C-alpha atoms as a PDB file:
ATOM      1  CA  UNK A   1      22.327-103.644  33.170  1.00  0.00           C
ATOM      2  CA  UNK A   2      22.941-107.376  32.828  1.00  0.00           C
ATOM      3  CA  UNK A   3      26.137-108.851  34.190  1.00  0.00           C
ATOM      4  CA  UNK A   4      28.475-109.881  31.366  1.00  0.00           C
ATOM      5  CA  UNK A   5      30.840-112.855  31.606  1.00  0.00           C
ATOM      6  CA  UNK A   6      33.012-115.336  29.751  1.00  0.00           C
ATOM      7  CA  UNK A   7      32.249-119.043  30.101  1.00  0.00           C
ATOM      8  CA  UNK A   8      34.833-121.648  29.185  1.00  0.00           C
ATOM      9  CA  UNK A   9      33.606-125.248  29.275  1.00  0.00           C
ATOM     10  CA  UNK A  10      34.968-128.636  28.272  1.00  0.00           C
ATOM     11  CA  UNK A  11      32.375-131.349  27.785  1.00  0.00           C
ATOM     12  CA  UNK A  12      33.503-134.980  28.080  1.00  0.00           C
ATOM     13  CA  UNK A  13      31.800-138.165  26.911  1.00  0.00           C
ATOM     14  CA  UNK A  14      30.349-139.265  23.592  1.00  0.00           C
ATOM     15  CA  UNK A  15      30.229-135.722  22.250  1.00  0.00           C
ATOM     16  CA  UNK A  16      31.913-135.982  18.858  1.00  0.00           C
ATOM     17  CA  UNK A  17      30.098-137.294  15.794  1.00  0.00           C
ATOM     18  CA  UNK A  18      26.681-136.590  17.368  1.00  0.00           C
ATOM     19  CA  UNK A  19      26.133-133.003  16.092  1.00  0.00           C
ATOM     20  CA  UNK A  20      27.261-131.517  19.418  1.00  0.00           C
ATOM     21  CA  UNK A  21      28.966-128.557  17.728  1.00  0.00           C
ATOM     22  CA  UNK A  22      25.884-127.744  15.647  1.00  0.00           C
ATOM     23  CA  UNK A  23      23.667-128.148  18.723  1.00  0.00           C
ATOM     24  CA  UNK A  24      25.896-125.713  20.635  1.00  0.00           C
ATOM     25  CA  UNK A  25      26.010-123.239  17.736  1.00  0.00           C
ATOM     26  CA  UNK A  26      22.209-123.171  17.462  1.00  0.00           C
ATOM     27  CA  UNK A  27      21.666-122.627  21.199  1.00  0.00           C
ATOM     28  CA  UNK A  28      24.418-120.019  21.564  1.00  0.00           C
ATOM     29  CA  UNK A  29      23.176-118.079  18.536  1.00  0.00           C
ATOM     30  CA  UNK A  30      19.566-118.193  19.767  1.00  0.00           C
ATOM     31  CA  UNK A  31      20.754-116.809  23.126  1.00  0.00           C
ATOM     32  CA  UNK A  32      22.710-114.002  21.441  1.00  0.00           C
ATOM     33  CA  UNK A  33      26.099-115.217  22.676  1.00  0.00           C
ATOM     34  CA  UNK A  34      29.469-114.913  20.949  1.00  0.00           C
ATOM     35  CA  UNK A  35      32.428-117.288  20.972  1.00  0.00           C
ATOM     36  CA  UNK A  36      33.180-120.718  19.533  1.00  0.00           C
ATOM     37  CA  UNK A  37      32.821-124.469  19.876  1.00  0.00           C
ATOM     38  CA  UNK A  38      35.348-127.034  18.690  1.00  0.00           C
ATOM     39  CA  UNK A  39      36.232-130.706  18.994  1.00  0.00           C
ATOM     40  CA  UNK A  40      39.342-131.427  21.029  1.00  0.00           C
ATOM     41  CA  UNK A  41      41.926-134.016  19.924  1.00  0.00           C
ATOM     42  CA  UNK A  42      41.296-137.528  21.195  1.00  0.00           C
ATOM     43  CA  UNK A  43      37.661-137.810  20.162  1.00  0.00           C
ATOM     44  CA  UNK A  44      36.012-137.553  23.575  1.00  0.00           C
ATOM     45  CA  UNK A  45      35.754-133.831  24.382  1.00  0.00           C
ATOM     46  CA  UNK A  46      34.330-130.588  23.040  1.00  0.00           C
ATOM     47  CA  UNK A  47      35.500-127.116  24.082  1.00  0.00           C
ATOM     48  CA  UNK A  48      33.179-124.119  24.287  1.00  0.00           C
ATOM     49  CA  UNK A  49      34.136-120.515  24.944  1.00  0.00           C
ATOM     50  CA  UNK A  50      31.245-118.081  25.041  1.00  0.00           C
ATOM     51  CA  UNK A  51      30.692-114.472  26.051  1.00  0.00           C
ATOM     52  CA  UNK A  52      27.511-112.623  26.881  1.00  0.00           C
ATOM     53  CA  UNK A  53      25.009-112.073  29.663  1.00  0.00           C
ATOM     54  CA  UNK A  54      25.751-114.378  32.577  1.00  0.00           C
ATOM     55  CA  UNK A  55      22.120-115.560  32.806  1.00  0.00           C
ATOM     56  CA  UNK A  56      22.168-116.580  29.127  1.00  0.00           C
ATOM     57  CA  UNK A  57      25.530-118.295  29.556  1.00  0.00           C
ATOM     58  CA  UNK A  58      24.032-120.269  32.457  1.00  0.00           C
ATOM     59  CA  UNK A  59      21.226-121.393  30.133  1.00  0.00           C
ATOM     60  CA  UNK A  60      23.796-122.487  27.535  1.00  0.00           C
ATOM     61  CA  UNK A  61      25.654-124.433  30.232  1.00  0.00           C
ATOM     62  CA  UNK A  62      22.422-126.275  31.099  1.00  0.00           C
ATOM     63  CA  UNK A  63      22.068-127.300  27.427  1.00  0.00           C
ATOM     64  CA  UNK A  64      25.710-128.445  27.330  1.00  0.00           C
ATOM     65  CA  UNK A  65      25.145-130.704  30.336  1.00  0.00           C
ATOM     66  CA  UNK A  66      22.520-132.609  28.343  1.00  0.00           C
ATOM     67  CA  UNK A  67      23.707-132.282  24.742  1.00  0.00           C
ATOM     68  CA  UNK A  68      21.844-133.330  21.614  1.00  0.00           C
ATOM     69  CA  UNK A  69      20.057-136.637  21.235  1.00  0.00           C
ATOM     70  CA  UNK A  70      22.715-139.296  20.661  1.00  0.00           C
ATOM     71  CA  UNK A  71      25.288-137.644  22.893  1.00  0.00           C
ATOM     72  CA  UNK A  72      26.300-138.940  26.296  1.00  0.00           C
ATOM     73  CA  UNK A  73      27.740-136.238  28.522  1.00  0.00           C
ATOM     74  CA  UNK A  74      29.890-137.766  31.260  1.00  0.00           C
ATOM     75  CA  UNK A  75      31.033-134.496  32.817  1.00  0.00           C
ATOM     76  CA  UNK A  76      31.372-130.785  32.166  1.00  0.00           C
ATOM     77  CA  UNK A  77      34.249-128.720  33.514  1.00  0.00           C
ATOM     78  CA  UNK A  78      33.472-125.007  33.463  1.00  0.00           C
ATOM     79  CA  UNK A  79      35.094-121.799  34.589  1.00  0.00           C
ATOM     80  CA  UNK A  80      33.887-118.208  34.617  1.00  0.00           C
ATOM     81  CA  UNK A  81      35.874-115.048  34.022  1.00  0.00           C
ATOM     82  CA  UNK A  82      35.594-111.479  32.805  1.00  0.00           C
ATOM     83  CA  UNK A  83      34.642-111.108  29.131  1.00  0.00           C
ATOM     84  CA  UNK A  84      37.310-109.839  26.782  1.00  0.00           C
ATOM     85  CA  UNK A  85      35.079-108.844  23.878  1.00  0.00           C
ATOM     86  CA  UNK A  86      37.166-110.948  21.490  1.00  0.00           C
ATOM     87  CA  UNK A  87      34.250-112.346  19.458  1.00  0.00           C
ATOM     88  CA  UNK A  88      31.755-110.812  17.049  1.00  0.00           C
ATOM     89  CA  UNK A  89      29.645-113.959  16.524  1.00  0.00           C
ATOM     90  CA  UNK A  90      29.453-117.617  17.537  1.00  0.00           C
ATOM     91  CA  UNK A  91      31.228-120.090  15.285  1.00  0.00           C
ATOM     92  CA  UNK A  92      32.344-123.691  14.880  1.00  0.00           C
ATOM     93  CA  UNK A  93      36.122-124.027  14.801  1.00  0.00           C
ATOM     94  CA  UNK A  94      37.751-126.947  13.028  1.00  0.00           C
END
């Protein structure tokens, strides 16, 4: 059985106004992950919390380190923990 995990990541740089949330939603949904993505106040960071198979979360993290065309990712801070099963799908929070 695949190892399950929770990934929390904050992506810094030019990541708002460049379809970063939609980009994240599409990749997370395609990978079968649950959780959310949202812009953080201040205009220069996006927060992602995702649950699922650790290997698929690692693939999502790779996508987040690049971002969509037009984005400039300066750094990604991530932490791993045990999944809580709090999500039924992946969504964009406003």
